[in-house]
Structures are given as C-alpha cells and as structure tokens.
N, C-alpha and C. Protein backbone atom coordinates (compact mmCIF):
# COMPACT_ATOMS: atom_id res chain seq x y z
N UNK A 1 97.54 28.74 100.56
CA UNK A 1 97.15 29.47 101.74
C UNK A 1 98.19 30.55 102.02
N UNK A 2 97.74 31.77 102.16
CA UNK A 2 98.63 32.87 102.48
C UNK A 2 99.01 32.82 103.95
N UNK A 3 100.22 33.23 104.22
CA UNK A 3 100.71 33.25 105.59
C UNK A 3 101.11 34.68 105.92
N UNK A 4 101.37 34.91 107.19
CA UNK A 4 101.83 36.21 107.64
C UNK A 4 103.11 36.01 108.45
N UNK A 5 103.98 37.01 108.37
CA UNK A 5 105.23 37.00 109.12
C UNK A 5 105.24 38.23 110.01
N UNK A 6 105.65 38.04 111.23
CA UNK A 6 105.87 39.17 112.13
C UNK A 6 107.37 39.24 112.42
N UNK A 7 107.89 40.46 112.51
CA UNK A 7 109.31 40.64 112.77
C UNK A 7 109.55 42.04 113.30
N UNK A 8 110.74 42.24 113.80
CA UNK A 8 111.17 43.57 114.23
C UNK A 8 112.35 43.97 113.36
N UNK A 9 112.30 45.19 112.86
CA UNK A 9 113.40 45.75 112.09
C UNK A 9 113.80 47.05 112.76
N UNK A 10 115.02 47.10 113.25
CA UNK A 10 115.50 48.25 114.03
C UNK A 10 114.54 48.57 115.17
N UNK A 11 114.14 47.53 115.88
CA UNK A 11 113.25 47.60 117.06
C UNK A 11 111.86 48.13 116.76
N UNK A 12 111.45 48.10 115.50
CA UNK A 12 110.09 48.50 115.13
C UNK A 12 109.35 47.24 114.66
N UNK A 13 108.26 46.90 115.35
CA UNK A 13 107.49 45.70 115.01
C UNK A 13 106.73 45.90 113.70
N UNK A 14 106.77 44.85 112.85
CA UNK A 14 106.09 44.89 111.55
C UNK A 14 105.48 43.53 111.27
N UNK A 15 104.52 43.52 110.34
CA UNK A 15 103.88 42.27 109.93
C UNK A 15 103.62 42.37 108.43
N UNK A 16 103.95 41.28 107.70
CA UNK A 16 103.77 41.26 106.24
C UNK A 16 103.13 39.95 105.81
N UNK A 17 102.62 39.94 104.58
CA UNK A 17 102.11 38.71 103.97
C UNK A 17 103.27 37.93 103.40
N UNK A 18 103.10 36.61 103.31
CA UNK A 18 104.14 35.73 102.79
C UNK A 18 103.52 34.63 101.96
N UNK A 19 104.17 34.33 100.83
CA UNK A 19 103.75 33.20 99.99
C UNK A 19 105.00 32.50 99.45
N UNK A 20 105.01 31.18 99.49
CA UNK A 20 106.16 30.42 99.02
C UNK A 20 106.38 30.55 97.52
N UNK A 21 105.37 30.92 96.75
CA UNK A 21 105.58 31.07 95.31
C UNK A 21 106.30 32.37 94.98
N UNK A 22 106.43 33.26 95.95
CA UNK A 22 107.13 34.53 95.73
C UNK A 22 108.52 34.50 96.36
N UNK A 23 108.64 33.95 97.57
CA UNK A 23 109.91 33.93 98.30
C UNK A 23 110.30 32.52 98.70
N UNK A 24 111.59 32.28 98.78
CA UNK A 24 112.12 30.98 99.17
C UNK A 24 111.88 30.70 100.64
N UNK A 25 112.07 31.70 101.48
CA UNK A 25 111.82 31.54 102.92
C UNK A 25 111.45 32.89 103.53
N UNK A 26 111.13 32.88 104.81
CA UNK A 26 110.67 34.11 105.45
C UNK A 26 111.77 35.15 105.57
N UNK A 27 113.02 34.72 105.58
CA UNK A 27 114.12 35.67 105.67
C UNK A 27 114.25 36.49 104.40
N UNK A 28 114.09 35.85 103.25
CA UNK A 28 114.11 36.59 101.99
C UNK A 28 112.95 37.57 101.91
N UNK A 29 111.80 37.19 102.44
CA UNK A 29 110.62 38.05 102.40
C UNK A 29 110.83 39.32 103.23
N UNK A 30 111.34 39.19 104.44
CA UNK A 30 111.53 40.37 105.28
C UNK A 30 112.63 41.27 104.74
N UNK A 31 113.68 40.67 104.17
CA UNK A 31 114.75 41.48 103.56
C UNK A 31 114.22 42.24 102.36
N UNK A 32 113.39 41.60 101.54
CA UNK A 32 112.81 42.28 100.38
C UNK A 32 111.90 43.42 100.82
N UNK A 33 111.14 43.21 101.88
CA UNK A 33 110.24 44.24 102.39
C UNK A 33 111.01 45.48 102.84
N UNK A 34 112.21 45.27 103.39
CA UNK A 34 113.01 46.39 103.89
C UNK A 34 114.02 46.89 102.86
N UNK A 35 114.03 46.29 101.67
CA UNK A 35 114.91 46.75 100.59
C UNK A 35 116.37 46.36 100.76
N UNK A 36 116.62 45.24 101.40
CA UNK A 36 117.99 44.78 101.62
C UNK A 36 118.39 43.80 100.53
N UNK A 37 119.54 44.05 99.90
CA UNK A 37 120.06 43.18 98.84
C UNK A 37 120.76 41.99 99.47
N UNK A 38 120.34 40.78 99.14
CA UNK A 38 120.87 39.57 99.75
C UNK A 38 121.84 38.80 98.85
N UNK A 39 122.33 39.38 97.77
CA UNK A 39 123.18 38.63 96.84
C UNK A 39 124.43 38.09 97.53
N UNK A 40 125.15 38.94 98.25
CA UNK A 40 126.37 38.48 98.92
C UNK A 40 126.04 37.51 100.05
N UNK A 41 124.98 37.79 100.77
CA UNK A 41 124.56 36.90 101.86
C UNK A 41 124.24 35.51 101.32
N UNK A 42 123.46 35.43 100.24
CA UNK A 42 123.07 34.13 99.69
C UNK A 42 124.27 33.36 99.16
N UNK A 43 125.25 34.06 98.56
CA UNK A 43 126.45 33.40 98.08
C UNK A 43 127.24 32.80 99.25
N UNK A 44 127.37 33.55 100.33
CA UNK A 44 128.09 33.06 101.50
C UNK A 44 127.34 31.91 102.16
N UNK A 45 126.01 32.02 102.25
CA UNK A 45 125.20 30.95 102.83
C UNK A 45 125.38 29.65 102.03
N UNK A 46 125.43 29.77 100.72
CA UNK A 46 125.62 28.59 99.88
C UNK A 46 127.00 27.97 100.12
N UNK A 47 128.03 28.79 100.26
CA UNK A 47 129.37 28.27 100.54
C UNK A 47 129.42 27.55 101.88
N UNK A 48 128.77 28.13 102.88
CA UNK A 48 128.74 27.49 104.20
C UNK A 48 128.00 26.16 104.13
N UNK A 49 126.90 26.12 103.40
CA UNK A 49 126.13 24.88 103.26
C UNK A 49 126.95 23.79 102.57
N UNK A 50 127.76 24.16 101.60
CA UNK A 50 128.56 23.17 100.87
C UNK A 50 129.73 22.65 101.69
N UNK A 51 130.26 23.48 102.60
CA UNK A 51 131.47 23.08 103.32
C UNK A 51 131.20 22.54 104.72
N UNK A 52 130.00 22.71 105.24
CA UNK A 52 129.73 22.27 106.61
C UNK A 52 128.95 20.97 106.62
N UNK A 53 129.06 20.28 107.73
CA UNK A 53 128.29 19.05 107.92
C UNK A 53 127.04 19.42 108.69
N UNK A 54 125.89 19.18 108.12
CA UNK A 54 124.64 19.51 108.79
C UNK A 54 124.24 20.96 108.54
N UNK A 55 123.10 21.32 109.09
CA UNK A 55 122.56 22.65 108.83
C UNK A 55 122.76 23.63 109.98
N UNK A 56 123.40 23.20 111.06
CA UNK A 56 123.59 24.08 112.22
C UNK A 56 124.43 25.30 111.86
N UNK A 57 125.46 25.11 111.04
CA UNK A 57 126.32 26.24 110.66
C UNK A 57 125.55 27.26 109.83
N UNK A 58 124.68 26.78 108.96
CA UNK A 58 123.88 27.69 108.13
C UNK A 58 122.90 28.46 109.00
N UNK A 59 122.24 27.78 109.93
CA UNK A 59 121.31 28.46 110.83
C UNK A 59 122.01 29.51 111.68
N UNK A 60 123.20 29.18 112.18
CA UNK A 60 123.96 30.12 112.99
C UNK A 60 124.37 31.34 112.16
N UNK A 61 124.84 31.10 110.94
CA UNK A 61 125.22 32.20 110.06
C UNK A 61 124.01 33.09 109.76
N UNK A 62 122.87 32.47 109.45
CA UNK A 62 121.65 33.22 109.14
C UNK A 62 121.24 34.09 110.33
N UNK A 63 121.25 33.51 111.51
CA UNK A 63 120.84 34.27 112.71
C UNK A 63 121.76 35.46 112.95
N UNK A 64 123.05 35.26 112.84
CA UNK A 64 123.99 36.36 113.07
C UNK A 64 123.89 37.44 112.01
N UNK A 65 123.75 37.05 110.76
CA UNK A 65 123.68 38.05 109.69
C UNK A 65 122.40 38.87 109.76
N UNK A 66 121.27 38.22 110.03
CA UNK A 66 120.02 38.98 110.10
C UNK A 66 119.97 39.86 111.33
N UNK A 67 120.65 39.48 112.40
CA UNK A 67 120.79 40.37 113.55
C UNK A 67 121.65 41.57 113.16
N UNK A 68 122.69 41.32 112.40
CA UNK A 68 123.55 42.41 111.93
C UNK A 68 122.79 43.36 111.00
N UNK A 69 121.89 42.81 110.19
CA UNK A 69 121.06 43.64 109.30
C UNK A 69 120.06 44.50 110.08
N UNK A 70 119.78 44.14 111.33
CA UNK A 70 118.83 44.90 112.14
C UNK A 70 117.52 44.18 112.43
N UNK A 71 117.43 42.90 112.07
CA UNK A 71 116.21 42.13 112.27
C UNK A 71 116.25 41.37 113.59
N UNK A 72 115.07 41.14 114.15
CA UNK A 72 114.93 40.26 115.31
C UNK A 72 113.51 39.73 115.33
N UNK A 73 113.31 38.69 116.09
CA UNK A 73 111.98 38.09 116.31
C UNK A 73 111.22 37.83 115.01
N UNK A 74 111.83 37.09 114.09
CA UNK A 74 111.19 36.76 112.82
C UNK A 74 110.43 35.45 113.00
N UNK A 75 109.10 35.52 112.85
CA UNK A 75 108.26 34.34 113.06
C UNK A 75 107.08 34.33 112.10
N UNK A 76 106.59 33.12 111.79
CA UNK A 76 105.31 32.99 111.11
C UNK A 76 104.21 33.24 112.13
N UNK A 77 103.16 33.91 111.73
CA UNK A 77 102.01 34.14 112.59
C UNK A 77 101.11 32.92 112.47
N UNK A 78 100.78 32.32 113.60
CA UNK A 78 99.89 31.17 113.59
C UNK A 78 98.45 31.66 113.64
N UNK A 79 97.67 31.18 112.70
CA UNK A 79 96.25 31.53 112.67
C UNK A 79 95.52 30.69 113.70
N UNK A 80 94.62 31.30 114.42
CA UNK A 80 93.80 30.59 115.39
C UNK A 80 92.51 30.16 114.70
N UNK A 81 92.32 28.87 114.44
CA UNK A 81 91.15 28.43 113.70
C UNK A 81 89.83 28.72 114.42
N UNK A 82 89.87 28.94 115.72
CA UNK A 82 88.64 29.24 116.46
C UNK A 82 88.12 30.65 116.16
N UNK A 83 89.01 31.57 115.75
CA UNK A 83 88.59 32.94 115.50
C UNK A 83 88.14 33.16 114.06
N UNK A 84 88.44 32.22 113.16
CA UNK A 84 88.04 32.36 111.75
C UNK A 84 86.61 31.85 111.55
N UNK A 85 85.85 32.57 110.72
CA UNK A 85 84.52 32.11 110.40
C UNK A 85 84.16 32.42 108.99
C-alpha cells in the first residue's frame, strides 16, 4: 500500500508519495525529495544509537537535525476510508 507524507521545507508545504521498499523511513524520503545528502547525518545517528540507552536520544537528534535542514511538520497522511470508493 502506497502512503503519502506531508511536510514543510523552508516554510513551504509539500506532499510526496512514500514506500518502504524505496526508503527506510519518512525522513530519508523527504531529504531525498529535497536533494539533501544524509551520509554524515546517518553516520552520526548510528553512533548515537550505539552509545545511548533507549531511542530518546536518537529521536531528539533527528528532530534537531531535520529542523536545522529546514524541515518541519513531517507526518504520514492518514487516508480516510469513508472517502475512498
């Protein structure tokens, strides 16, 4: 099932398609859409995951870095089953 992601990049609202067979998560998808290279980010995220207890540190790092990249309000779009026919 295809999904959609809505996000803001530099205060401009956008919406894209998303599939797990193409991207690991929605953050990689929006970065790819905007042409942002995540090599250094992913290396740092991996180091934080290995050295921290729990996932709170990784989530905090992700939120701060994507805000620094210019992203905000990154969400999956929920389909309303009542409107589909």
